[in-house]
Amino acid sequence: MKPLTEKEVIQKLAALCARSEHCAHEMREKMRRWEVEESTQERVIDYLQEHQYIDEERFCRAFVKDKLTYNRWGRRKVEQALYAKRISAEVQRRVLDEVLGEDYVAQLRPLLEAKGKSVKAENDYERRTKLIRFALSRGFTMDIILDVLDSLS
């Protein structure tokens, strides 16, 4: 396979970004797989940012909305995923602080109600512990988990 020119790389990545939100890290990973030179990668990223094909904050907002709505993740799990995508801590904090606690509660309540029906436990303490562990694995914080569990009791 012959190496892609800078123009071809820009066209491919711009078309990809036009279809859905992506971050700079994802674009760098694609170019790395295509074996694009480092200097070219930086020029392409600069071009994509300058022409607003990629915008870290816009990506972060879309990502957070998707993970809360469809995957029903809590704040901690979303933070970890954004960290893996190399979104700056400042952008993460700004976007995640816009999400209200009630939004997390609204996602967690039906999860715990459904999980509560299938949990097998010998007593209430064991049942509650299993539900807490489940909610923690989904990335919810302890204060929200306890609020929801108390309201379900």
C-alpha atoms as a PDB file:
ATOM      1  CA  MET A   1       0.000   0.000   0.000  1.00  0.00           C
ATOM      2  CA  LYS A   2       1.463   3.333  -1.009  1.00  0.00           C
ATOM      3  CA  PRO A   3       1.672   6.015   1.669  1.00  0.00           C
ATOM      4  CA  LEU A   4      -1.129   8.561   1.798  1.00  0.00           C
ATOM      5  CA  THR A   5      -0.389  12.151   0.900  1.00  0.00           C
ATOM      6  CA  GLU A   6      -1.129  14.887   3.410  1.00  0.00           C
ATOM      7  CA  LYS A   7      -4.072  16.008   1.286  1.00  0.00           C
ATOM      8  CA  GLU A   8      -5.534  12.477   1.198  1.00  0.00           C
ATOM      9  CA  VAL A   9      -5.163  12.141   4.964  1.00  0.00           C
ATOM     10  CA  ILE A  10      -6.935  15.477   5.489  1.00  0.00           C
ATOM     11  CA  GLN A  11      -9.759  14.461   3.151  1.00  0.00           C
ATOM     12  CA  LYS A  12     -10.278  11.082   4.837  1.00  0.00           C
ATOM     13  CA  LEU A  13     -10.207  12.487   8.367  1.00  0.00           C
ATOM     14  CA  ALA A  14     -12.374  15.500   7.499  1.00  0.00           C
ATOM     15  CA  ALA A  15     -14.984  13.154   6.006  1.00  0.00           C
ATOM     16  CA  LEU A  16     -14.854  11.018   9.154  1.00  0.00           C
ATOM     17  CA  CYS A  17     -15.219  14.067  11.405  1.00  0.00           C
ATOM     18  CA  ALA A  18     -18.110  15.355   9.337  1.00  0.00           C
ATOM     19  CA  ARG A  19     -20.058  12.164  10.154  1.00  0.00           C
ATOM     20  CA  SER A  20     -19.489  12.145  13.912  1.00  0.00           C
ATOM     21  CA  GLU A  21     -17.563  13.799  16.729  1.00  0.00           C
ATOM     22  CA  HIS A  22     -13.956  12.739  17.207  1.00  0.00           C
ATOM     23  CA  CYS A  23     -11.063  13.934  19.337  1.00  0.00           C
ATOM     24  CA  ALA A  24      -7.486  14.702  18.351  1.00  0.00           C
ATOM     25  CA  HIS A  25      -6.243  11.508  20.028  1.00  0.00           C
ATOM     26  CA  GLU A  26      -8.502   9.338  17.827  1.00  0.00           C
ATOM     27  CA  MET A  27      -7.264  11.131  14.723  1.00  0.00           C
ATOM     28  CA  ARG A  28      -3.625  10.645  15.779  1.00  0.00           C
ATOM     29  CA  GLU A  29      -4.282   6.943  16.345  1.00  0.00           C
ATOM     30  CA  LYS A  30      -5.760   6.603  12.851  1.00  0.00           C
ATOM     31  CA  MET A  31      -2.802   8.371  11.291  1.00  0.00           C
ATOM     32  CA  ARG A  32      -0.388   6.228  13.304  1.00  0.00           C
ATOM     33  CA  ARG A  33      -2.059   3.097  11.919  1.00  0.00           C
ATOM     34  CA  TRP A  34      -1.783   4.586   8.420  1.00  0.00           C
ATOM     35  CA  GLU A  35       1.916   5.179   9.137  1.00  0.00           C
ATOM     36  CA  VAL A  36       1.714   8.939   8.560  1.00  0.00           C
ATOM     37  CA  GLU A  37       4.856  10.844   9.595  1.00  0.00           C
ATOM     38  CA  GLU A  38       4.775  12.728  12.915  1.00  0.00           C
ATOM     39  CA  SER A  39       5.328  16.144  11.314  1.00  0.00           C
ATOM     40  CA  THR A  40       2.472  15.523   8.890  1.00  0.00           C
ATOM     41  CA  GLN A  41       0.250  14.346  11.751  1.00  0.00           C
ATOM     42  CA  GLU A  42       0.714  17.646  13.571  1.00  0.00           C
ATOM     43  CA  ARG A  43      -0.078  19.690  10.456  1.00  0.00           C
ATOM     44  CA  VAL A  44      -3.215  17.604   9.818  1.00  0.00           C
ATOM     45  CA  ILE A  45      -4.395  17.985  13.443  1.00  0.00           C
ATOM     46  CA  ASP A  46      -3.781  21.750  13.255  1.00  0.00           C
ATOM     47  CA  TYR A  47      -5.786  21.909  10.015  1.00  0.00           C
ATOM     48  CA  LEU A  48      -8.685  19.890  11.479  1.00  0.00           C
ATOM     49  CA  GLN A  49      -8.808  22.087  14.589  1.00  0.00           C
ATOM     50  CA  GLU A  50      -8.475  25.324  12.650  1.00  0.00           C
ATOM     51  CA  HIS A  51     -11.371  24.352  10.356  1.00  0.00           C
ATOM     52  CA  GLN A  52     -13.377  23.068  13.353  1.00  0.00           C
ATOM     53  CA  TYR A  53     -13.576  19.457  12.242  1.00  0.00           C
ATOM     54  CA  ILE A  54     -12.363  18.532  15.712  1.00  0.00           C
ATOM     55  CA  ASP A  55     -13.059  20.441  18.880  1.00  0.00           C
ATOM     56  CA  GLU A  56     -12.175  18.832  22.209  1.00  0.00           C
ATOM     57  CA  GLU A  57     -14.959  20.542  24.178  1.00  0.00           C
ATOM     58  CA  ARG A  58     -17.632  19.750  21.583  1.00  0.00           C
ATOM     59  CA  PHE A  59     -16.420  16.135  21.473  1.00  0.00           C
ATOM     60  CA  CYS A  60     -16.451  15.971  25.268  1.00  0.00           C
ATOM     61  CA  ARG A  61     -20.046  17.231  25.472  1.00  0.00           C
ATOM     62  CA  ALA A  62     -21.261  14.690  22.911  1.00  0.00           C
ATOM     63  CA  PHE A  63     -19.299  11.874  24.563  1.00  0.00           C
ATOM     64  CA  VAL A  64     -20.625  12.664  28.042  1.00  0.00           C
ATOM     65  CA  LYS A  65     -24.214  12.925  26.773  1.00  0.00           C
ATOM     66  CA  ASP A  66     -23.943   9.576  24.950  1.00  0.00           C
ATOM     67  CA  LYS A  67     -22.362   7.718  27.865  1.00  0.00           C
ATOM     68  CA  LEU A  68     -24.901   9.039  30.362  1.00  0.00           C
ATOM     69  CA  THR A  69     -27.922   8.478  28.159  1.00  0.00           C
ATOM     70  CA  TYR A  70     -27.169   5.227  26.352  1.00  0.00           C
ATOM     71  CA  ASN A  71     -24.524   3.445  28.417  1.00  0.00           C
ATOM     72  CA  ARG A  72     -25.809   4.748  31.769  1.00  0.00           C
ATOM     73  CA  TRP A  73     -22.338   5.426  33.104  1.00  0.00           C
ATOM     74  CA  GLY A  74     -21.610   7.466  36.190  1.00  0.00           C
ATOM     75  CA  ARG A  75     -19.195  10.370  36.442  1.00  0.00           C
ATOM     76  CA  ARG A  76     -16.124   8.302  37.419  1.00  0.00           C
ATOM     77  CA  LYS A  77     -16.408   5.928  34.479  1.00  0.00           C
ATOM     78  CA  VAL A  78     -16.925   8.830  32.062  1.00  0.00           C
ATOM     79  CA  GLU A  79     -13.878  10.594  33.541  1.00  0.00           C
ATOM     80  CA  GLN A  80     -11.758   7.482  33.020  1.00  0.00           C
ATOM     81  CA  ALA A  81     -12.894   7.122  29.401  1.00  0.00           C
ATOM     82  CA  LEU A  82     -12.172  10.798  28.695  1.00  0.00           C
ATOM     83  CA  TYR A  83      -8.744  10.436  30.317  1.00  0.00           C
ATOM     84  CA  ALA A  84      -8.062   7.478  27.996  1.00  0.00           C
ATOM     85  CA  LYS A  85      -9.004   9.709  25.053  1.00  0.00           C
ATOM     86  CA  ARG A  86      -6.534  12.297  26.391  1.00  0.00           C
ATOM     87  CA  ILE A  87      -9.091  15.053  26.887  1.00  0.00           C
ATOM     88  CA  SER A  88      -7.600  17.739  29.140  1.00  0.00           C
ATOM     89  CA  ALA A  89      -8.654  17.741  32.795  1.00  0.00           C
ATOM     90  CA  GLU A  90      -9.854  21.339  32.453  1.00  0.00           C
ATOM     91  CA  VAL A  91     -12.229  20.513  29.581  1.00  0.00           C
ATOM     92  CA  GLN A  92     -13.428  17.375  31.390  1.00  0.00           C
ATOM     93  CA  ARG A  93     -14.158  19.277  34.589  1.00  0.00           C
ATOM     94  CA  ARG A  94     -15.960  22.097  32.774  1.00  0.00           C
ATOM     95  CA  VAL A  95     -18.240  19.709  30.846  1.00  0.00           C
ATOM     96  CA  LEU A  96     -18.854  17.242  33.687  1.00  0.00           C
ATOM     97  CA  ASP A  97     -19.678  20.041  36.132  1.00  0.00           C
ATOM     98  CA  GLU A  98     -22.554  21.028  33.831  1.00  0.00           C
ATOM     99  CA  VAL A  99     -24.195  17.639  34.447  1.00  0.00           C
ATOM    100  CA  LEU A 100     -26.579  17.887  37.374  1.00  0.00           C
ATOM    101  CA  GLY A 101     -26.653  15.344  40.178  1.00  0.00           C
ATOM    102  CA  GLU A 102     -30.297  14.675  39.319  1.00  0.00           C
ATOM    103  CA  ASP A 103     -29.192  13.444  35.884  1.00  0.00           C
ATOM    104  CA  TYR A 104     -26.995  10.783  37.499  1.00  0.00           C
ATOM    105  CA  VAL A 105     -29.812   9.840  39.886  1.00  0.00           C
ATOM    106  CA  ALA A 106     -32.220   9.550  36.938  1.00  0.00           C
ATOM    107  CA  GLN A 107     -29.817   7.105  35.253  1.00  0.00           C
ATOM    108  CA  LEU A 108     -28.955   5.111  38.369  1.00  0.00           C
ATOM    109  CA  ARG A 109     -32.438   4.624  39.838  1.00  0.00           C
ATOM    110  CA  PRO A 110     -33.804   2.350  37.051  1.00  0.00           C
ATOM    111  CA  LEU A 111     -30.497   0.451  36.929  1.00  0.00           C
ATOM    112  CA  LEU A 112     -30.657  -0.333  40.646  1.00  0.00           C
ATOM    113  CA  GLU A 113     -34.368  -1.159  40.497  1.00  0.00           C
ATOM    114  CA  ALA A 114     -33.745  -3.678  37.716  1.00  0.00           C
ATOM    115  CA  LYS A 115     -30.607  -5.102  39.306  1.00  0.00           C
ATOM    116  CA  GLY A 116     -32.358  -5.346  42.682  1.00  0.00           C
ATOM    117  CA  LYS A 117     -34.857  -7.829  41.204  1.00  0.00           C
ATOM    118  CA  SER A 118     -32.107 -10.221  40.107  1.00  0.00           C
ATOM    119  CA  VAL A 119     -29.748  -9.967  43.098  1.00  0.00           C
ATOM    120  CA  LYS A 120     -29.657 -13.072  45.269  1.00  0.00           C
ATOM    121  CA  ALA A 121     -28.728 -12.303  48.856  1.00  0.00           C
ATOM    122  CA  GLU A 122     -29.322 -13.874  52.233  1.00  0.00           C
ATOM    123  CA  ASN A 123     -30.082 -10.577  53.973  1.00  0.00           C
ATOM    124  CA  ASP A 124     -30.590  -6.857  53.356  1.00  0.00           C
ATOM    125  CA  TYR A 125     -26.975  -6.002  54.185  1.00  0.00           C
ATOM    126  CA  GLU A 126     -25.625  -8.417  51.564  1.00  0.00           C
ATOM    127  CA  ARG A 127     -28.183  -7.225  48.992  1.00  0.00           C
ATOM    128  CA  ARG A 128     -27.290  -3.576  49.599  1.00  0.00           C
ATOM    129  CA  THR A 129     -23.552  -4.357  49.341  1.00  0.00           C
ATOM    130  CA  LYS A 130     -24.047  -6.100  46.001  1.00  0.00           C
ATOM    131  CA  LEU A 131     -26.063  -3.165  44.656  1.00  0.00           C
ATOM    132  CA  ILE A 132     -23.399  -0.699  45.823  1.00  0.00           C
ATOM    133  CA  ARG A 133     -20.672  -2.738  44.116  1.00  0.00           C
ATOM    134  CA  PHE A 134     -22.728  -2.864  40.915  1.00  0.00           C
ATOM    135  CA  ALA A 135     -23.295   0.903  40.911  1.00  0.00           C
ATOM    136  CA  LEU A 136     -19.619   1.597  41.651  1.00  0.00           C
ATOM    137  CA  SER A 137     -18.652  -0.590  38.681  1.00  0.00           C
ATOM    138  CA  ARG A 138     -20.846   1.629  36.503  1.00  0.00           C
ATOM    139  CA  GLY A 139     -18.886   4.662  37.669  1.00  0.00           C
ATOM    140  CA  PHE A 140     -21.358   6.279  40.050  1.00  0.00           C
ATOM    141  CA  THR A 141     -20.119   8.053  43.164  1.00  0.00           C
ATOM    142  CA  MET A 142     -20.915   6.729  46.631  1.00  0.00           C
ATOM    143  CA  ASP A 143     -23.022   9.743  47.657  1.00  0.00           C
ATOM    144  CA  ILE A 144     -25.365   9.310  44.682  1.00  0.00           C
ATOM    145  CA  ILE A 145     -25.523   5.534  45.164  1.00  0.00           C
ATOM    146  CA  LEU A 146     -26.491   5.886  48.831  1.00  0.00           C
ATOM    147  CA  ASP A 147     -29.102   8.561  48.031  1.00  0.00           C
ATOM    148  CA  VAL A 148     -30.732   6.305  45.441  1.00  0.00           C
ATOM    149  CA  LEU A 149     -30.598   3.200  47.642  1.00  0.00           C
ATOM    150  CA  ASP A 150     -32.119   5.099  50.578  1.00  0.00           C
ATOM    151  CA  SER A 151     -34.936   6.370  48.382  1.00  0.00           C
ATOM    152  CA  LEU A 152     -35.625   2.830  47.082  1.00  0.00           C
ATOM    153  CA  SER A 153     -35.830   1.312  50.583  1.00  0.00           C
END
